[in-house]
N, C-alpha and C. Protein backbone atom coordinates (compact mmCIF):
# COMPACT_ATOMS: atom_id res chain seq x y z
N MET A 1 78.51 98.56 116.70
CA MET A 1 80.07 99.56 118.12
C MET A 1 79.63 100.35 119.15
N VAL A 2 80.47 100.19 119.67
CA VAL A 2 80.87 99.67 121.29
C VAL A 2 81.12 101.79 121.06
N LYS A 3 80.46 102.38 121.68
CA LYS A 3 80.71 104.13 122.00
C LYS A 3 81.05 104.21 123.45
N THR A 4 82.54 104.17 123.54
CA THR A 4 83.08 104.64 124.12
C THR A 4 83.43 105.84 124.68
N ARG A 5 83.52 106.58 125.88
CA ARG A 5 83.40 108.23 125.98
C ARG A 5 85.03 108.31 126.94
N TYR A 6 85.73 109.21 125.96
CA TYR A 6 87.26 108.92 126.85
C TYR A 6 87.16 110.45 127.69
N LEU A 7 87.56 111.17 128.43
CA LEU A 7 88.67 112.70 128.93
C LEU A 7 89.85 112.58 128.92
N VAL A 8 90.47 112.90 127.63
CA VAL A 8 92.08 112.58 127.35
C VAL A 8 92.67 112.98 128.35
N ALA A 9 92.48 111.61 129.02
CA ALA A 9 94.02 112.10 130.30
C ALA A 9 94.27 109.94 130.87
N GLY A 10 94.96 110.71 131.73
CA GLY A 10 95.67 109.07 132.25
C GLY A 10 96.78 109.45 132.95
N SER A 11 98.02 108.60 133.45
CA SER A 11 98.64 108.21 134.15
C SER A 11 100.06 108.83 133.40
N ALA A 12 100.23 109.15 132.07
CA ALA A 12 101.40 110.35 131.27
C ALA A 12 100.66 111.15 131.30
N LEU A 13 99.78 111.48 131.29
CA LEU A 13 98.79 112.75 130.36
C LEU A 13 97.87 112.85 131.84
N ALA A 14 98.49 114.09 133.03
CA ALA A 14 97.07 114.18 134.09
C ALA A 14 96.44 114.58 133.04
N VAL A 15 95.14 114.64 133.33
CA VAL A 15 93.43 115.75 133.54
C VAL A 15 93.59 116.80 132.40
N VAL A 16 93.13 116.91 131.26
CA VAL A 16 93.90 117.90 130.27
C VAL A 16 92.83 118.94 130.89
N VAL A 17 92.92 120.07 131.34
CA VAL A 17 92.14 121.49 131.77
C VAL A 17 92.06 121.66 130.54
N VAL A 18 91.08 121.47 130.06
CA VAL A 18 90.76 122.17 128.56
C VAL A 18 90.62 123.94 128.93
N ALA A 19 90.04 124.30 130.13
CA ALA A 19 89.33 126.11 129.49
C ALA A 19 90.88 126.47 129.79
N LEU A 20 91.86 126.73 130.97
CA LEU A 20 93.08 127.62 131.23
C LEU A 20 93.91 127.59 129.87
N GLY A 21 93.87 129.01 129.56
CA GLY A 21 94.90 129.55 128.70
C GLY A 21 94.33 128.80 126.98
N ALA A 22 93.31 129.07 127.06
CA ALA A 22 92.79 128.03 125.51
C ALA A 22 91.99 129.73 125.18
N ALA A 23 91.39 130.23 125.29
CA ALA A 23 90.88 131.77 125.08
C ALA A 23 92.26 132.65 125.10
N ALA A 24 92.90 132.73 125.44
CA ALA A 24 93.35 133.15 125.23
C ALA A 24 94.90 132.97 124.17
N SER A 25 95.11 131.70 123.86
CA SER A 25 95.73 131.04 122.92
C SER A 25 94.81 131.34 121.62
N TYR A 26 94.05 130.54 121.32
CA TYR A 26 92.38 131.45 120.43
C TYR A 26 92.63 133.07 119.85
N THR A 27 93.03 133.49 120.51
CA THR A 27 92.70 134.98 120.18
C THR A 27 93.40 135.17 119.96
N ALA A 28 94.66 135.06 120.33
CA ALA A 28 96.67 135.26 120.11
C ALA A 28 96.53 134.78 118.25
N ASN A 29 95.53 133.65 118.02
CA ASN A 29 96.19 133.20 116.67
C ASN A 29 94.96 133.88 115.76
N GLY A 30 94.31 134.95 115.90
CA GLY A 30 93.07 135.16 114.70
C GLY A 30 91.51 133.76 115.20
N LEU A 31 91.74 133.35 116.36
CA LEU A 31 90.46 132.49 116.21
C LEU A 31 89.44 132.97 117.32
N PRO A 32 87.96 132.76 117.20
CA PRO A 32 87.11 132.73 118.50
C PRO A 32 87.57 132.02 119.86
N PRO A 33 87.54 132.83 120.39
CA PRO A 33 87.60 131.81 122.66
C PRO A 33 86.31 130.44 122.40
N LEU A 34 86.81 130.12 122.98
CA LEU A 34 86.44 128.75 122.89
C LEU A 34 85.59 128.89 124.11
N PRO A 35 84.74 128.14 124.51
CA PRO A 35 83.32 127.64 124.91
C PRO A 35 84.24 127.44 126.93
N GLN A 36 83.95 127.66 127.82
CA GLN A 36 83.99 127.55 129.45
C GLN A 36 83.78 126.45 129.39
N ALA A 37 85.35 125.05 129.12
CA ALA A 37 85.03 123.92 129.27
C ALA A 37 83.66 123.74 130.78
N ALA A 38 83.64 122.50 131.01
CA ALA A 38 82.85 122.08 131.59
C ALA A 38 83.87 120.90 132.63
N ALA A 39 83.62 120.34 133.63
CA ALA A 39 84.23 119.52 134.72
C ALA A 39 84.00 118.44 134.30
N PRO A 40 85.57 117.67 134.14
CA PRO A 40 85.84 116.46 133.97
C PRO A 40 85.19 115.29 134.61
N THR A 41 84.23 114.70 133.94
CA THR A 41 83.32 113.73 134.09
C THR A 41 83.44 112.41 133.68
N ALA A 42 84.57 111.81 133.18
CA ALA A 42 85.70 110.21 132.54
C ALA A 42 86.52 110.10 132.45
N SER A 43 87.20 109.44 132.33
CA SER A 43 88.98 108.99 132.75
C SER A 43 88.42 108.15 131.70
N ALA A 44 90.03 108.03 131.22
CA ALA A 44 90.60 106.45 129.75
C ALA A 44 89.96 105.50 130.87
N ALA A 45 89.97 104.82 128.94
CA ALA A 45 89.48 103.18 129.29
C ALA A 45 91.69 102.29 129.71
N PRO A 46 90.68 101.65 131.16
CA PRO A 46 92.36 101.04 131.21
C PRO A 46 92.63 99.98 130.58
N THR A 47 93.31 99.41 129.94
CA THR A 47 94.39 98.31 129.66
C THR A 47 93.01 97.09 129.41
N PRO A 48 92.89 96.80 128.20
CA PRO A 48 91.69 95.81 128.52
C PRO A 48 91.92 94.13 128.50
N THR A 49 91.09 93.90 129.68
CA THR A 49 91.86 92.08 129.69
C THR A 49 91.31 91.37 128.94
N VAL A 50 92.90 90.38 128.46
CA VAL A 50 92.32 89.49 127.37
C VAL A 50 92.41 88.39 127.62
N ALA A 51 91.59 87.36 126.94
CA ALA A 51 92.33 86.35 127.18
C ALA A 51 92.44 85.09 126.44
N PRO A 52 93.25 84.75 127.22
CA PRO A 52 94.51 83.32 126.82
C PRO A 52 94.01 82.86 125.53
N GLY A 53 94.30 83.34 124.57
CA GLY A 53 94.24 82.56 122.94
C GLY A 53 93.55 83.31 121.68
N GLU A 54 93.21 84.91 122.64
CA GLU A 54 92.48 86.05 121.92
C GLU A 54 93.84 86.92 122.00
N PRO A 55 93.82 87.75 120.15
CA PRO A 55 93.98 88.85 120.03
C PRO A 55 94.25 89.60 120.90
N ARG A 56 95.40 90.78 120.89
CA ARG A 56 95.35 92.11 122.12
C ARG A 56 94.81 93.08 121.03
N PRO A 57 94.08 93.75 121.46
CA PRO A 57 93.46 94.94 121.21
C PRO A 57 94.60 96.19 121.40
N VAL A 58 94.56 97.35 119.66
CA VAL A 58 96.00 97.81 119.63
C VAL A 58 95.46 98.91 120.54
N GLY A 59 96.25 100.40 120.69
CA GLY A 59 96.28 100.73 122.09
C GLY A 59 96.75 102.13 121.69
N PHE A 60 96.08 103.40 121.03
CA PHE A 60 96.67 104.52 120.36
C PHE A 60 97.06 105.92 121.97
N ALA A 61 97.85 106.08 120.96
CA ALA A 61 97.58 107.13 122.17
C ALA A 61 97.83 108.81 121.44
N VAL A 62 97.69 110.25 122.21
CA VAL A 62 96.70 110.75 120.84
C VAL A 62 97.95 112.37 121.35
N VAL A 63 98.04 113.34 120.74
CA VAL A 63 98.19 113.79 120.38
C VAL A 63 98.14 115.55 119.87
N GLY A 64 97.26 117.01 120.36
CA GLY A 64 96.82 117.32 120.13
C GLY A 64 96.54 118.52 120.13
N ASP A 65 95.03 119.44 119.84
CA ASP A 65 94.35 120.62 120.57
C ASP A 65 93.08 120.13 121.01
N SER A 66 92.51 120.96 120.08
CA SER A 66 90.38 120.95 121.11
C SER A 66 89.90 119.54 120.34
N ILE A 67 90.19 119.74 118.65
CA ILE A 67 89.67 118.28 118.17
C ILE A 67 89.96 117.32 118.71
N THR A 68 90.95 117.22 119.78
CA THR A 68 91.43 115.89 120.45
C THR A 68 90.85 115.60 121.56
N ALA A 69 91.27 116.83 122.49
CA ALA A 69 90.99 117.01 123.48
C ALA A 69 89.39 117.57 124.07
N TRP A 70 88.10 117.70 123.25
CA TRP A 70 86.97 118.23 123.36
C TRP A 70 86.17 117.25 124.37
N ALA A 71 87.08 115.82 124.59
CA ALA A 71 85.35 114.80 125.11
C ALA A 71 84.80 116.10 126.28
N GLY A 72 83.25 115.08 126.09
CA GLY A 72 82.55 115.45 127.13
C GLY A 72 81.79 117.14 126.94
N GLN A 73 82.57 118.23 125.96
CA GLN A 73 82.46 119.42 125.30
C GLN A 73 81.74 119.43 124.61
N GLU A 74 80.60 120.69 123.98
CA GLU A 74 79.51 120.59 123.40
C GLU A 74 80.36 120.16 121.94
N ALA A 75 81.32 120.04 121.40
CA ALA A 75 81.90 119.44 119.90
C ALA A 75 82.57 118.10 119.80
N GLY A 76 82.11 117.92 121.56
CA GLY A 76 82.71 116.42 121.65
C GLY A 76 84.04 115.79 121.43
N SER A 77 84.83 114.99 121.11
CA SER A 77 85.83 113.98 120.25
C SER A 77 86.33 112.89 119.64
N TRP A 78 86.89 112.75 118.50
CA TRP A 78 87.12 111.78 118.09
C TRP A 78 87.10 110.77 119.26
N THR A 79 87.69 110.98 120.11
CA THR A 79 88.03 109.51 121.00
C THR A 79 86.69 109.10 121.75
N SER A 80 85.93 109.74 121.96
CA SER A 80 84.70 109.36 122.54
C SER A 80 84.34 108.65 121.62
N TYR A 81 84.35 108.54 120.73
CA TYR A 81 83.76 107.45 119.61
C TYR A 81 84.29 106.36 118.86
N VAL A 82 85.72 106.42 119.10
CA VAL A 82 86.54 106.03 117.85
C VAL A 82 86.75 103.85 119.12
N GLY A 83 86.34 103.65 119.75
CA GLY A 83 87.35 102.55 120.90
C GLY A 83 85.90 101.39 120.17
N SER A 84 86.46 100.23 120.27
CA SER A 84 85.61 99.11 119.42
C SER A 84 86.71 98.22 120.62
N ASP A 85 86.44 96.91 119.73
CA ASP A 85 86.48 95.50 120.86
C ASP A 85 88.12 95.61 119.89
N GLY A 86 88.69 95.85 119.19
CA GLY A 86 89.77 95.77 118.84
C GLY A 86 90.76 97.05 118.89
N LEU A 87 89.72 98.24 119.33
CA LEU A 87 91.03 98.76 119.70
C LEU A 87 90.36 99.95 120.82
N TYR A 88 91.63 100.73 121.78
CA TYR A 88 91.42 101.45 122.68
C TYR A 88 92.24 102.50 123.33
N PHE A 89 91.26 103.55 122.76
CA PHE A 89 92.85 104.62 123.32
C PHE A 89 92.86 104.70 125.11
N SER A 90 94.50 104.53 125.06
CA SER A 90 94.95 104.35 126.13
C SER A 90 94.60 105.94 127.21
N GLY A 91 94.32 106.78 126.86
CA GLY A 91 94.79 108.11 127.74
C GLY A 91 95.86 108.48 128.14
N HIS A 92 96.59 108.28 127.05
CA HIS A 92 98.07 109.30 127.62
C HIS A 92 98.53 109.80 126.39
N GLY A 93 99.08 110.90 126.25
CA GLY A 93 99.65 111.68 125.03
C GLY A 93 99.30 112.91 126.10
N TRP A 94 98.85 114.39 125.17
CA TRP A 94 98.69 115.25 125.46
C TRP A 94 97.68 115.74 124.32
N ALA A 95 96.93 117.14 125.23
CA ALA A 95 95.84 117.33 124.12
C ALA A 95 95.54 118.75 125.21
N ARG A 96 95.19 119.69 124.42
CA ARG A 96 94.43 121.21 124.91
C ARG A 96 93.74 121.52 123.87
N ASN A 97 92.26 122.36 124.77
CA ASN A 97 92.33 123.59 123.56
C ASN A 97 93.16 124.41 123.12
N GLY A 98 93.18 125.03 122.03
CA GLY A 98 94.40 125.98 121.65
C GLY A 98 95.82 126.12 121.58
N ALA A 99 95.68 124.82 121.52
CA ALA A 99 97.11 124.98 121.50
C ALA A 99 98.41 124.71 119.95
N PRO A 100 98.89 125.38 120.42
CA PRO A 100 100.08 125.25 118.69
C PRO A 100 100.87 124.02 118.54
N LEU A 101 101.48 124.26 117.47
CA LEU A 101 102.53 123.18 117.43
C LEU A 101 103.84 122.80 118.36
N ALA A 102 104.10 123.65 118.94
CA ALA A 102 104.96 124.31 119.39
C ALA A 102 104.55 123.65 121.11
N MET A 103 103.51 124.45 121.41
CA MET A 103 103.71 123.85 122.93
C MET A 103 103.37 122.10 122.83
N MET A 104 103.21 121.63 122.04
CA MET A 104 102.19 119.87 121.82
C MET A 104 103.39 119.40 122.10
N GLU A 105 104.30 119.73 120.80
CA GLU A 105 105.51 119.53 121.08
C GLU A 105 106.83 119.33 122.01
N ALA A 106 106.08 120.96 123.73
CA ALA A 106 107.21 120.66 124.65
C ALA A 106 106.77 120.36 125.25
N ASN A 107 104.95 119.00 125.53
CA ASN A 107 104.21 118.68 125.77
C ASN A 107 104.34 117.33 125.58
N THR A 108 104.48 117.03 124.65
CA THR A 108 105.05 115.55 124.68
C THR A 108 105.05 114.20 125.86
N PRO A 109 104.66 113.62 126.10
CA PRO A 109 105.19 112.53 126.69
C PRO A 109 106.34 111.59 125.76
N ARG A 110 106.92 110.64 126.93
CA ARG A 110 107.17 109.57 126.31
C ARG A 110 106.62 108.54 126.31
N LEU A 111 105.99 107.63 125.21
CA LEU A 111 105.60 107.03 124.63
C LEU A 111 105.31 105.28 124.61
N ASP A 112 104.61 104.55 124.71
CA ASP A 112 105.43 103.08 124.67
C ASP A 112 103.72 102.48 123.73
N GLU A 113 103.05 103.13 123.80
CA GLU A 113 101.35 102.44 123.12
C GLU A 113 102.10 101.98 121.34
N ASP A 114 100.69 101.15 120.48
CA ASP A 114 101.14 100.80 119.22
C ASP A 114 101.40 101.94 118.19
N VAL A 115 100.23 103.04 119.21
CA VAL A 115 99.84 103.87 117.51
C VAL A 115 100.10 105.07 118.34
N LEU A 116 101.49 105.94 117.90
CA LEU A 116 100.20 107.58 118.08
C LEU A 116 100.19 108.28 117.48
N VAL A 117 98.31 109.05 117.14
CA VAL A 117 97.69 109.79 116.48
C VAL A 117 97.91 111.43 116.54
N VAL A 118 98.81 111.80 115.71
CA VAL A 118 98.49 113.09 116.00
C VAL A 118 97.65 114.54 115.06
N LEU A 119 96.87 114.95 115.46
CA LEU A 119 95.68 115.62 115.47
C LEU A 119 96.38 117.43 115.60
N ALA A 120 97.16 117.96 114.60
CA ALA A 120 97.54 118.95 114.46
C ALA A 120 97.90 119.72 113.69
N GLY A 121 97.68 121.65 113.93
CA GLY A 121 98.00 122.60 113.17
C GLY A 121 96.88 123.23 112.90
N THR A 122 95.95 122.97 113.12
CA THR A 122 94.56 124.54 113.01
C THR A 122 95.03 125.58 113.88
N ASN A 123 95.54 125.70 114.90
CA ASN A 123 95.79 126.71 115.54
C ASN A 123 96.89 127.27 115.30
N ASP A 124 97.78 127.15 114.30
CA ASP A 124 98.89 127.47 113.22
C ASP A 124 98.90 127.64 112.16
N LEU A 125 97.24 127.77 111.39
CA LEU A 125 97.78 128.15 110.04
C LEU A 125 97.34 129.58 109.64
N ARG A 126 97.40 130.75 110.93
CA ARG A 126 97.42 131.76 110.29
C ARG A 126 98.91 132.39 110.73
N SER A 127 99.97 131.54 111.37
CA SER A 127 101.55 131.22 111.39
C SER A 127 101.95 132.03 110.05
N PRO A 128 102.35 133.17 110.54
CA PRO A 128 103.90 133.20 110.20
C PRO A 128 104.95 131.98 109.99
N VAL A 129 105.37 131.31 110.56
CA VAL A 129 106.56 130.54 110.69
C VAL A 129 105.42 129.26 109.41
N ALA A 130 106.83 129.59 108.35
CA ALA A 130 106.74 128.49 107.65
C ALA A 130 106.05 127.17 107.53
N LEU A 131 105.91 126.68 106.56
CA LEU A 131 105.73 125.28 106.51
C LEU A 131 106.33 124.38 106.69
N ASP A 132 107.55 124.24 105.92
CA ASP A 132 108.59 123.58 106.32
C ASP A 132 109.07 123.48 108.05
N ASP A 133 108.92 124.51 108.55
CA ASP A 133 109.03 124.64 109.47
C ASP A 133 108.53 123.95 110.67
N ARG A 134 107.02 124.22 110.25
CA ARG A 134 106.70 123.82 110.99
C ARG A 134 106.14 122.15 110.86
N LEU A 135 106.12 121.23 109.55
CA LEU A 135 106.58 119.80 109.77
C LEU A 135 107.12 119.43 110.61
N ASP A 136 108.79 120.25 110.78
CA ASP A 136 109.96 120.07 111.70
C ASP A 136 109.15 119.75 112.76
N VAL A 137 108.09 119.96 113.04
CA VAL A 137 107.71 120.12 114.51
C VAL A 137 106.86 118.95 114.56
N VAL A 138 105.95 119.10 113.96
CA VAL A 138 105.93 117.32 113.82
C VAL A 138 106.33 116.12 113.64
N ASP A 139 107.58 116.95 113.48
CA ASP A 139 108.83 115.57 113.56
C ASP A 139 109.09 115.86 115.02
N ALA A 140 108.94 116.41 115.34
CA ALA A 140 109.69 116.98 116.51
C ALA A 140 108.81 115.91 117.92
N ILE A 141 107.37 116.12 117.68
CA ILE A 141 106.45 115.91 118.50
C ILE A 141 107.30 113.75 118.10
N VAL A 142 106.86 113.31 117.26
CA VAL A 142 106.74 112.45 116.93
C VAL A 142 108.62 111.68 117.86
N ARG A 143 109.71 112.13 117.81
CA ARG A 143 111.01 111.86 118.53
C ARG A 143 110.65 112.03 119.79
N ARG A 144 109.56 112.83 120.06
CA ARG A 144 109.78 113.39 121.73
C ARG A 144 108.77 111.62 122.69
N SER A 145 107.77 111.52 121.64
CA SER A 145 106.73 110.16 121.55
C SER A 145 107.34 109.39 122.06
N GLY A 146 108.31 108.46 120.93
CA GLY A 146 109.44 107.60 121.26
C GLY A 146 108.96 106.84 120.05
N VAL A 147 107.11 106.95 120.08
CA VAL A 147 106.54 105.40 118.92
C VAL A 147 106.84 105.40 118.21
N ASP A 148 107.22 104.13 117.45
CA ASP A 148 107.49 103.65 115.82
C ASP A 148 106.44 104.40 115.14
N ARG A 149 104.96 103.26 115.42
CA ARG A 149 104.03 103.89 114.36
C ARG A 149 103.17 104.78 114.77
N VAL A 150 103.41 105.81 113.89
CA VAL A 150 102.69 107.18 113.52
C VAL A 150 101.34 107.52 112.42
N LEU A 151 100.25 108.13 113.31
CA LEU A 151 99.59 108.13 111.86
C LEU A 151 98.83 109.91 112.39
N ILE A 152 99.40 110.38 111.14
CA ILE A 152 99.21 111.45 110.95
C ILE A 152 97.94 112.12 110.37
N SER A 153 96.69 112.67 111.27
CA SER A 153 95.69 113.32 111.01
C SER A 153 95.38 114.69 110.25
N ALA A 154 94.81 114.47 109.19
CA ALA A 154 94.38 116.38 108.13
C ALA A 154 93.89 116.94 109.45
N VAL A 155 93.63 118.41 109.41
CA VAL A 155 92.94 119.18 110.27
C VAL A 155 91.92 118.55 109.70
N PRO A 156 90.20 119.26 110.33
CA PRO A 156 89.40 119.74 110.37
C PRO A 156 89.06 120.91 109.09
N PRO A 157 88.52 121.38 108.63
CA PRO A 157 88.16 121.89 107.30
C PRO A 157 88.13 124.09 108.80
N PHE A 158 88.85 124.95 107.95
CA PHE A 158 88.59 125.87 108.12
C PHE A 158 88.04 126.81 107.83
N ASP A 159 87.18 127.20 108.41
CA ASP A 159 85.98 128.17 107.33
C ASP A 159 86.62 129.77 107.67
N PRO A 160 87.45 130.43 108.77
CA PRO A 160 87.88 131.28 108.47
C PRO A 160 88.76 131.29 107.46
N ASP A 161 89.50 131.23 106.81
CA ASP A 161 90.45 131.05 105.50
C ASP A 161 90.48 129.43 104.91
N PRO A 162 89.59 128.66 104.16
CA PRO A 162 89.30 127.35 103.37
C PRO A 162 90.99 127.12 103.23
N ARG A 163 91.52 127.82 102.45
CA ARG A 163 93.08 127.65 101.78
C ARG A 163 93.93 127.35 102.49
N LEU A 164 94.23 127.36 103.92
CA LEU A 164 95.14 127.86 104.85
C LEU A 164 95.67 125.94 105.37
N GLY A 165 93.70 126.00 105.83
CA GLY A 165 93.52 124.51 106.02
C GLY A 165 94.13 123.09 104.65
N THR A 166 93.59 123.51 104.14
CA THR A 166 93.88 123.12 102.42
C THR A 166 95.79 122.70 102.08
N ALA A 167 96.00 123.91 102.10
CA ALA A 167 97.99 123.73 102.49
C ALA A 167 98.45 123.41 103.11
N TRP A 168 97.57 123.42 104.68
CA TRP A 168 98.25 122.40 105.14
C TRP A 168 98.52 120.40 105.32
N ASN A 169 97.14 120.52 104.84
CA ASN A 169 96.69 119.47 104.68
C ASN A 169 97.21 118.49 103.63
N ALA A 170 97.40 119.26 102.84
CA ALA A 170 98.25 118.89 101.38
C ALA A 170 100.22 118.63 101.95
N ALA A 171 100.53 119.04 102.53
CA ALA A 171 101.72 119.46 103.32
C ALA A 171 101.89 118.02 104.08
N LEU A 172 100.70 118.47 104.56
CA LEU A 172 101.49 116.92 106.12
C LEU A 172 101.05 115.42 105.15
N ARG A 173 100.41 115.63 104.39
CA ARG A 173 100.11 114.37 103.08
C ARG A 173 101.62 113.62 102.74
N GLU A 174 102.38 115.02 102.18
CA GLU A 174 103.18 115.13 101.49
C GLU A 174 103.91 113.99 102.10
N HIS A 175 104.46 115.15 103.78
CA HIS A 175 105.55 115.14 104.66
C HIS A 175 106.05 113.86 105.16
N ALA A 176 104.00 113.12 105.15
CA ALA A 176 104.10 111.37 105.60
C ALA A 176 104.25 110.59 105.06
N SER A 177 103.97 110.80 103.75
CA SER A 177 104.61 109.94 102.87
C SER A 177 106.12 109.85 102.84
N GLY A 178 106.71 111.05 102.73
CA GLY A 178 108.23 111.41 102.88
C GLY A 178 108.49 110.32 104.06
N ALA A 179 108.08 111.06 105.72
CA ALA A 179 108.94 110.55 106.56
C ALA A 179 108.89 108.89 107.12
N GLY A 180 107.34 107.82 106.41
CA GLY A 180 107.59 106.88 106.55
C GLY A 180 106.25 106.65 107.65
N TYR A 181 105.39 108.12 108.26
CA TYR A 181 104.04 108.07 108.64
C TYR A 181 102.86 107.86 108.27
N ALA A 182 102.11 107.24 108.79
CA ALA A 182 100.62 106.77 107.56
C ALA A 182 100.09 108.73 108.30
N PHE A 183 98.62 108.46 107.15
CA PHE A 183 98.39 109.66 107.12
C PHE A 183 96.86 109.51 106.71
N VAL A 184 95.44 109.89 107.22
CA VAL A 184 94.50 109.99 107.28
C VAL A 184 93.51 111.03 107.07
N ASP A 185 93.41 111.20 105.96
CA ASP A 185 91.43 112.65 105.97
C ASP A 185 90.39 111.70 106.74
N PRO A 186 90.63 112.42 107.85
CA PRO A 186 88.75 111.57 108.44
C PRO A 186 87.99 112.54 108.25
N TRP A 187 88.09 114.06 107.47
CA TRP A 187 87.04 115.34 107.57
C TRP A 187 86.72 115.03 105.97
N SER A 188 87.78 114.20 104.93
CA SER A 188 86.74 114.02 103.43
C SER A 188 85.68 114.24 103.85
N GLY A 189 84.56 113.23 104.13
CA GLY A 189 83.27 112.95 103.90
C GLY A 189 81.87 114.72 104.50
N LEU A 190 83.20 115.76 104.80
CA LEU A 190 82.25 116.50 105.93
C LEU A 190 82.50 117.56 105.27
N ARG A 191 83.13 118.36 103.83
CA ARG A 191 83.62 119.33 103.47
C ARG A 191 82.84 119.65 102.26
N VAL A 192 82.90 120.79 101.80
CA VAL A 192 82.28 120.87 100.59
C VAL A 192 83.07 121.47 99.86
N ASP A 193 82.42 121.98 98.52
CA ASP A 193 83.71 121.88 97.74
C ASP A 193 84.87 123.40 97.51
N ASP A 194 84.89 124.01 98.25
CA ASP A 194 85.51 125.52 98.25
C ASP A 194 86.96 125.20 99.57
N GLY A 195 86.16 123.52 100.67
CA GLY A 195 87.39 123.45 101.77
C GLY A 195 86.82 123.77 103.16
N SER A 196 85.74 124.41 102.84
CA SER A 196 85.36 124.56 104.21
C SER A 196 84.49 123.73 104.45
N PHE A 197 83.59 123.74 105.85
CA PHE A 197 82.94 122.58 106.44
C PHE A 197 81.38 123.06 105.82
N ASP A 198 81.24 121.23 105.71
CA ASP A 198 79.53 121.16 104.93
C ASP A 198 79.24 122.01 106.71
N PRO A 199 78.03 123.29 106.32
CA PRO A 199 77.25 124.11 106.64
C PRO A 199 76.65 123.01 108.26
N ASP A 200 76.19 121.65 108.25
CA ASP A 200 75.39 120.97 109.05
C ASP A 200 76.29 119.91 110.00
N ALA A 201 77.58 120.59 109.41
CA ALA A 201 78.83 119.40 110.39
C ALA A 201 79.43 120.24 110.97
N THR A 202 79.79 121.38 111.69
CA THR A 202 80.11 122.26 112.44
C THR A 202 79.65 122.77 113.15
N ILE A 203 79.80 123.34 115.02
CA ILE A 203 79.78 124.34 115.30
C ILE A 203 80.09 125.88 115.68
N ASP A 204 81.39 126.37 114.98
CA ASP A 204 81.39 127.17 115.05
C ASP A 204 82.28 127.25 113.00
N GLY A 205 82.83 126.41 112.57
CA GLY A 205 83.51 126.98 111.05
C GLY A 205 84.93 126.18 111.66
N ILE A 206 84.85 125.74 113.24
CA ILE A 206 86.61 125.35 113.40
C ILE A 206 86.58 123.54 113.60
N HIS A 207 84.95 123.97 114.37
CA HIS A 207 85.00 122.86 116.02
C HIS A 207 83.94 121.87 114.79
N PRO A 208 84.49 120.43 114.87
CA PRO A 208 82.76 119.43 114.66
C PRO A 208 81.62 119.54 115.51
N THR A 209 80.95 119.62 115.02
CA THR A 209 79.10 118.74 115.95
C THR A 209 79.82 117.37 116.92
N PRO A 210 78.56 117.39 117.71
CA PRO A 210 78.97 115.56 118.11
C PRO A 210 79.09 114.49 116.59
N ALA A 211 77.58 114.91 115.77
CA ALA A 211 77.50 113.99 115.32
C ALA A 211 79.00 113.81 113.87
N ALA A 212 79.59 114.73 113.67
CA ALA A 212 80.68 114.87 112.46
C ALA A 212 81.64 114.57 113.43
N ALA A 213 82.37 114.81 114.57
CA ALA A 213 83.45 113.78 115.28
C ALA A 213 83.07 112.37 115.20
N GLU A 214 82.09 111.34 115.75
CA GLU A 214 81.85 110.49 115.26
C GLU A 214 82.20 109.51 113.90
N ARG A 215 81.53 110.82 113.06
CA ARG A 215 81.68 110.24 111.50
C ARG A 215 83.28 110.52 110.83
N ALA A 216 83.67 111.31 111.60
CA ALA A 216 85.02 111.55 111.85
C ALA A 216 86.31 110.20 112.55
N ALA A 217 85.37 109.70 113.35
CA ALA A 217 85.91 108.51 113.99
C ALA A 217 86.23 107.24 113.10
N GLU A 218 85.20 106.84 112.51
CA GLU A 218 84.41 105.66 111.63
C GLU A 218 86.61 105.92 110.89
N PRO A 219 86.69 106.44 109.27
CA PRO A 219 87.91 106.44 109.10
C PRO A 219 88.92 106.52 109.90
N LEU A 220 89.50 107.49 111.32
CA LEU A 220 90.25 107.24 112.23
C LEU A 220 90.22 105.52 113.11
N ARG A 221 89.54 104.63 112.75
CA ARG A 221 89.25 103.69 113.40
C ARG A 221 90.12 102.77 112.69
N SER A 222 89.87 102.97 111.56
CA SER A 222 90.14 101.87 110.79
C SER A 222 91.94 102.56 110.36
N ALA A 223 92.10 103.85 109.91
CA ALA A 223 94.16 104.03 110.07
C ALA A 223 94.35 103.57 110.84
N ILE A 224 93.59 103.76 112.43
CA ILE A 224 94.92 103.80 113.25
C ILE A 224 94.86 102.28 113.81
N ILE A 225 93.74 100.80 113.14
CA ILE A 225 94.20 99.80 113.56
C ILE A 225 95.27 98.77 111.94
N ALA A 226 94.79 99.78 110.90
CA ALA A 226 96.13 99.34 109.79
C ALA A 226 97.75 99.47 110.08
N ALA A 227 97.89 100.82 110.77
CA ALA A 227 99.08 101.49 111.43
C ALA A 227 99.82 100.82 112.30
N ALA A 228 98.87 100.60 112.92
CA ALA A 228 99.63 98.82 114.03
C ALA A 228 99.90 98.22 113.30
N GLY A 229 99.48 97.86 112.08
CA GLY A 229 100.15 96.61 111.66
C GLY A 229 99.95 95.11 112.14
């Protein structure tokens, strides 16, 4: 496997400045503040050049929060590990530390990638907003993107209250099936029986370690390629 390390950035997505507003967003939702972000050190991969007769690799865009935006940070991002010869991260979409669903929906740009990956909802787990209303925002994100093939990812374990993450993921799975989205749970091997993180797989009970992010990238990679058809 070819390891690539990207920062969530690009022409349709100006470089995500992950530090701005992050601590305030997390604290408002009852989550611990994030560490100060390091300066951006990389940009997204250019569209690969394809030789005549070779299949075109699948390009994907993202919408998410710190689980996606933390490329180059302490926790790392699954986007840092998911690239391969047949798949590349375009760098387009939107992701920011501490972002709730409504912020993602407001900032989702129009996209033309093969697949949109939405990994969202951790920052709304303690929200009083009903599950169905939050799922409506997921649909709004998809509509704004304009991408036909959509992969919804389960959120990672949420150690402050594992039941909230479990309920959201169950709702996401059922909703994806009814809406015609693909669904993947890349964190299934990183949970223990009560739904919380394997202690060795997390830095704070919410974010994965770099090794855990790399493990999550494997099922995400397969699911993105499958979603592209």
